[in-house]
Amino acid sequence: MIRINLLGQVRPKAAKQTVPLEATVQILLFGAAVAVAVAVLFVVYMSQSRQLDKTKARIRDLQAEKASLQQIKSEVDKFESQKAVLQQRIDVIETLQKNRTGAQDLLQMVANTVGRVDALWLTSVTRTGDSLAIEGEAGSINSVANFITELKRSGYFTNVEIKNAKENDIRPSVETYAFSMTVSIAPQTNGVPATQATGATQPPPAAPKGRS
């Protein structure tokens, strides 16, 4: 299609609008700032992301280590429990062995002490811890006194305390005295009384005498 200008005038061109230089600079600076900010945020984001990944990996490692330590702790607790049971059994065995050996020596020493006293015999010997409760009969008060002396001299007994000593009438034709006393067992070192371990001498045991 052909257009013909009948007026014979040149049609004016539209005037171009110019943008001020200052506005252009501001736009460029704003764009640059935005770009820099985006770049900085991206760098920070990447750095934080890597740090987060490292932290998560560290947490996984620590959790695995914790699980391993818990298993080890469980094994240790089991071992300690078994050790405690075994130690308890060992202590019981050692105590029984010690008491058996100590009881034999103790009874032997009591018998030897009674054997060195005339007209005296025991009717009961009861042990409670490191103490003995002794009951018996004697032909005279002097026999009871001699028995106390022999107990002290033996080195096996201390704190001899007479509780009762009186004449009884079990046998009207024979004068007898019933007595009761308590004594403490002297501390021992390797089965030897401390008084003997430090050099004290003990009178040799006499042959048992017959009951009168």
Protein backbone atom coordinates (compact mmCIF):
# COMPACT_ATOMS: atom_id res chain seq x y z
CA MET A 1 0.00 0.00 0.00
CA ILE A 2 1.41 3.42 -1.05
CA ARG A 3 0.83 6.48 1.09
CA ILE A 4 0.83 9.92 -0.59
CA ASN A 5 1.48 13.11 1.36
CA LEU A 6 -1.05 15.51 -0.11
CA LEU A 7 -0.01 18.38 2.14
CA GLY A 8 3.48 18.47 0.76
CA GLN A 9 5.02 18.89 4.19
CA VAL A 10 7.62 16.76 5.79
CA ARG A 11 6.21 14.89 8.71
CA PRO A 12 8.15 15.75 11.86
CA LYS A 13 9.92 12.96 13.68
CA ALA A 14 9.16 12.22 17.29
CA ALA A 15 11.66 13.77 19.62
CA LYS A 16 13.85 11.34 21.59
CA GLN A 17 13.77 11.62 25.38
CA THR A 18 17.23 11.72 26.94
CA VAL A 19 18.00 10.19 30.37
CA PRO A 20 20.07 12.37 32.65
CA LEU A 21 23.63 11.12 33.24
CA GLU A 22 23.29 11.25 37.04
CA ALA A 23 20.28 8.93 36.96
CA THR A 24 22.17 6.53 34.74
CA VAL A 25 25.09 6.44 37.13
CA GLN A 26 22.76 5.81 40.07
CA ILE A 27 21.11 2.95 38.24
CA LEU A 28 24.47 1.43 37.39
CA LEU A 29 25.71 1.81 40.96
CA PHE A 30 22.51 0.28 42.33
CA GLY A 31 22.82 -2.65 39.94
CA ALA A 32 26.45 -3.13 40.89
CA ALA A 33 25.56 -3.00 44.58
CA VAL A 34 22.83 -5.55 44.07
CA ALA A 35 25.22 -7.78 42.15
CA VAL A 36 27.89 -7.46 44.84
CA ALA A 37 25.33 -8.17 47.56
CA VAL A 38 24.08 -11.22 45.70
CA ALA A 39 27.66 -12.42 45.22
CA VAL A 40 28.47 -11.90 48.91
CA LEU A 41 25.30 -13.66 49.99
CA PHE A 42 26.09 -16.55 47.67
CA VAL A 43 29.62 -16.86 49.05
CA VAL A 44 28.29 -16.71 52.63
CA TYR A 45 25.61 -19.25 51.79
CA MET A 46 28.13 -21.63 50.26
CA SER A 47 30.48 -21.19 53.22
CA GLN A 48 27.68 -21.80 55.72
CA SER A 49 26.47 -24.78 53.69
CA ARG A 50 29.93 -26.34 53.76
CA GLN A 51 30.23 -25.61 57.48
CA LEU A 52 26.80 -27.16 58.06
CA ASP A 53 27.82 -30.26 56.11
CA LYS A 54 30.99 -30.53 58.21
CA THR A 55 28.95 -30.11 61.40
CA LYS A 56 26.49 -32.79 60.33
CA ALA A 57 29.37 -35.12 59.49
CA ARG A 58 30.95 -34.39 62.88
CA ILE A 59 27.65 -35.11 64.61
CA ARG A 60 27.38 -38.43 62.79
CA ASP A 61 30.94 -39.30 63.81
CA LEU A 62 30.26 -38.36 67.44
CA GLN A 63 27.04 -40.37 67.48
CA ALA A 64 28.88 -43.39 66.10
CA GLU A 65 31.63 -42.90 68.70
CA LYS A 66 29.02 -42.55 71.45
CA ALA A 67 27.35 -45.79 70.39
CA SER A 68 30.75 -47.52 70.40
CA LEU A 69 31.60 -46.12 73.86
CA GLN A 70 28.22 -47.18 75.20
CA GLN A 71 28.88 -50.70 74.00
CA ILE A 72 32.32 -50.64 75.60
CA LYS A 73 30.81 -49.25 78.83
CA SER A 74 28.24 -52.04 78.80
CA GLU A 75 31.03 -54.61 78.46
CA VAL A 76 33.02 -52.94 81.25
CA ASP A 77 29.98 -52.88 83.56
CA LYS A 78 29.38 -56.55 82.85
CA PHE A 79 33.02 -57.33 83.58
CA GLU A 80 32.94 -55.31 86.82
CA SER A 81 29.80 -57.14 87.90
CA GLN A 82 31.42 -60.51 87.23
CA LYS A 83 34.57 -59.35 89.00
CA ALA A 84 32.55 -58.29 92.06
CA VAL A 85 30.82 -61.68 92.20
CA LEU A 86 34.14 -63.53 91.90
CA GLN A 87 35.78 -61.30 94.50
CA GLN A 88 32.89 -61.93 96.87
CA ARG A 89 33.30 -65.68 96.43
CA ILE A 90 37.05 -65.39 96.98
CA ASP A 91 36.48 -63.35 100.16
CA VAL A 92 34.02 -65.94 101.47
CA ILE A 93 36.46 -68.77 100.76
CA GLU A 94 39.35 -66.89 102.39
CA THR A 95 37.21 -66.05 105.40
CA LEU A 96 36.10 -69.65 105.81
CA GLN A 97 39.68 -70.85 105.46
CA LYS A 98 40.92 -68.27 107.94
CA ASN A 99 38.16 -69.01 110.42
CA ARG A 100 38.75 -72.75 110.11
CA THR A 101 42.45 -72.43 110.78
CA GLY A 102 41.96 -69.81 113.47
CA ALA A 103 39.26 -71.85 115.19
CA GLN A 104 41.52 -74.88 115.39
CA ASP A 105 44.34 -72.85 116.94
CA LEU A 106 41.90 -71.11 119.26
CA LEU A 107 40.34 -74.33 120.54
CA GLN A 108 43.77 -75.86 120.96
CA MET A 109 44.94 -72.91 123.03
CA VAL A 110 41.79 -72.99 125.19
CA ALA A 111 42.31 -76.70 125.76
CA ASN A 112 45.99 -76.16 126.64
CA THR A 113 45.05 -73.38 129.07
CA VAL A 114 42.44 -75.54 130.78
CA GLY A 115 44.98 -78.36 130.93
CA ARG A 116 47.34 -76.22 133.03
CA VAL A 117 44.71 -75.67 135.73
CA ASP A 118 43.74 -78.26 138.33
CA ALA A 119 40.10 -79.11 139.02
CA LEU A 120 38.55 -77.03 136.26
CA TRP A 121 36.53 -77.92 133.19
CA LEU A 122 34.52 -75.98 130.64
CA THR A 123 30.87 -76.56 129.82
CA SER A 124 30.43 -73.95 127.05
CA VAL A 125 32.60 -71.83 124.76
CA THR A 126 30.79 -69.42 122.40
CA ARG A 127 32.56 -67.14 119.97
CA THR A 128 31.07 -63.84 118.84
CA GLY A 129 33.40 -61.89 116.59
CA ASP A 130 36.65 -61.43 118.51
CA SER A 131 35.16 -62.35 121.88
CA LEU A 132 34.60 -65.62 123.71
CA ALA A 133 31.93 -66.34 126.27
CA ILE A 134 33.18 -69.12 128.53
CA GLU A 135 31.23 -71.09 131.08
CA GLY A 136 32.54 -73.88 133.27
CA GLU A 137 32.92 -75.43 136.69
CA ALA A 138 35.83 -75.59 139.07
CA GLY A 139 36.68 -77.38 142.27
CA SER A 140 37.63 -74.12 143.98
CA ILE A 141 37.75 -70.38 143.53
CA ASN A 142 41.55 -70.66 143.31
CA SER A 143 41.15 -72.82 140.19
CA VAL A 144 39.06 -70.09 138.58
CA ALA A 145 41.71 -67.49 139.48
CA ASN A 146 44.47 -69.73 138.08
CA PHE A 147 42.48 -70.16 134.88
CA ILE A 148 42.22 -66.40 134.47
CA THR A 149 45.98 -66.10 135.00
CA GLU A 150 46.71 -68.77 132.41
CA LEU A 151 44.42 -67.10 129.87
CA LYS A 152 46.32 -63.85 130.24
CA ARG A 153 49.71 -65.56 130.10
CA SER A 154 48.86 -67.46 126.92
CA GLY A 155 49.11 -64.36 124.73
CA TYR A 156 46.00 -65.41 122.82
CA PHE A 157 43.49 -63.67 125.08
CA THR A 158 43.04 -60.20 126.53
CA ASN A 159 40.41 -58.34 128.55
CA VAL A 160 39.56 -61.34 130.69
CA GLU A 161 36.47 -60.41 132.67
CA ILE A 162 34.76 -62.69 135.19
CA LYS A 163 30.99 -62.38 135.05
CA ASN A 164 29.91 -64.82 137.73
CA ALA A 165 31.47 -67.33 140.10
CA LYS A 166 29.40 -69.03 142.77
CA GLU A 167 29.13 -72.34 144.51
CA ASN A 168 26.54 -74.67 143.07
CA ASP A 169 24.78 -77.65 144.54
CA ILE A 170 24.77 -79.99 141.58
CA ARG A 171 26.69 -82.52 143.64
CA PRO A 172 25.97 -82.03 147.31
CA SER A 173 28.89 -84.23 148.33
CA VAL A 174 31.41 -82.29 146.21
CA GLU A 175 32.21 -78.60 146.45
CA THR A 176 32.09 -77.05 142.98
CA TYR A 177 31.84 -73.53 141.65
CA ALA A 178 30.08 -72.51 138.46
CA PHE A 179 31.64 -69.56 136.64
CA SER A 180 31.19 -67.53 133.49
CA MET A 181 33.51 -65.02 131.89
CA THR A 182 34.25 -63.18 128.69
CA VAL A 183 37.62 -62.79 126.99
CA SER A 184 38.83 -61.00 123.89
CA ILE A 185 40.93 -62.75 121.26
CA ALA A 186 44.25 -60.99 120.90
CA PRO A 187 45.15 -59.58 117.45
CA GLN A 188 47.22 -62.01 115.42
CA THR A 189 49.89 -61.67 112.75
CA ASN A 190 49.99 -64.58 110.32
CA GLY A 191 48.23 -66.76 112.85
CA VAL A 192 50.60 -65.74 115.69
CA PRO A 193 49.40 -63.51 118.56
CA ALA A 194 50.83 -60.01 118.43
CA THR A 195 52.48 -60.47 121.81
CA GLN A 196 54.38 -63.47 120.48
CA ALA A 197 55.16 -61.81 117.14
CA THR A 198 56.89 -58.96 118.99
CA GLY A 199 59.11 -61.34 120.90
CA ALA A 200 57.06 -62.13 124.00
CA THR A 201 57.53 -65.65 125.20
CA GLN A 202 54.68 -68.03 125.83
CA PRO A 203 54.93 -70.77 128.43
CA PRO A 204 55.05 -74.17 126.79
CA PRO A 205 51.72 -75.97 126.86
CA ALA A 206 51.51 -78.58 129.53
CA ALA A 207 50.06 -81.98 129.01
CA PRO A 208 46.33 -81.97 129.75
CA LYS A 209 45.48 -82.95 133.28
CA GLY A 210 42.58 -85.11 134.18
CA ARG A 211 39.39 -83.68 135.58
CA SER A 212 39.22 -83.89 139.35
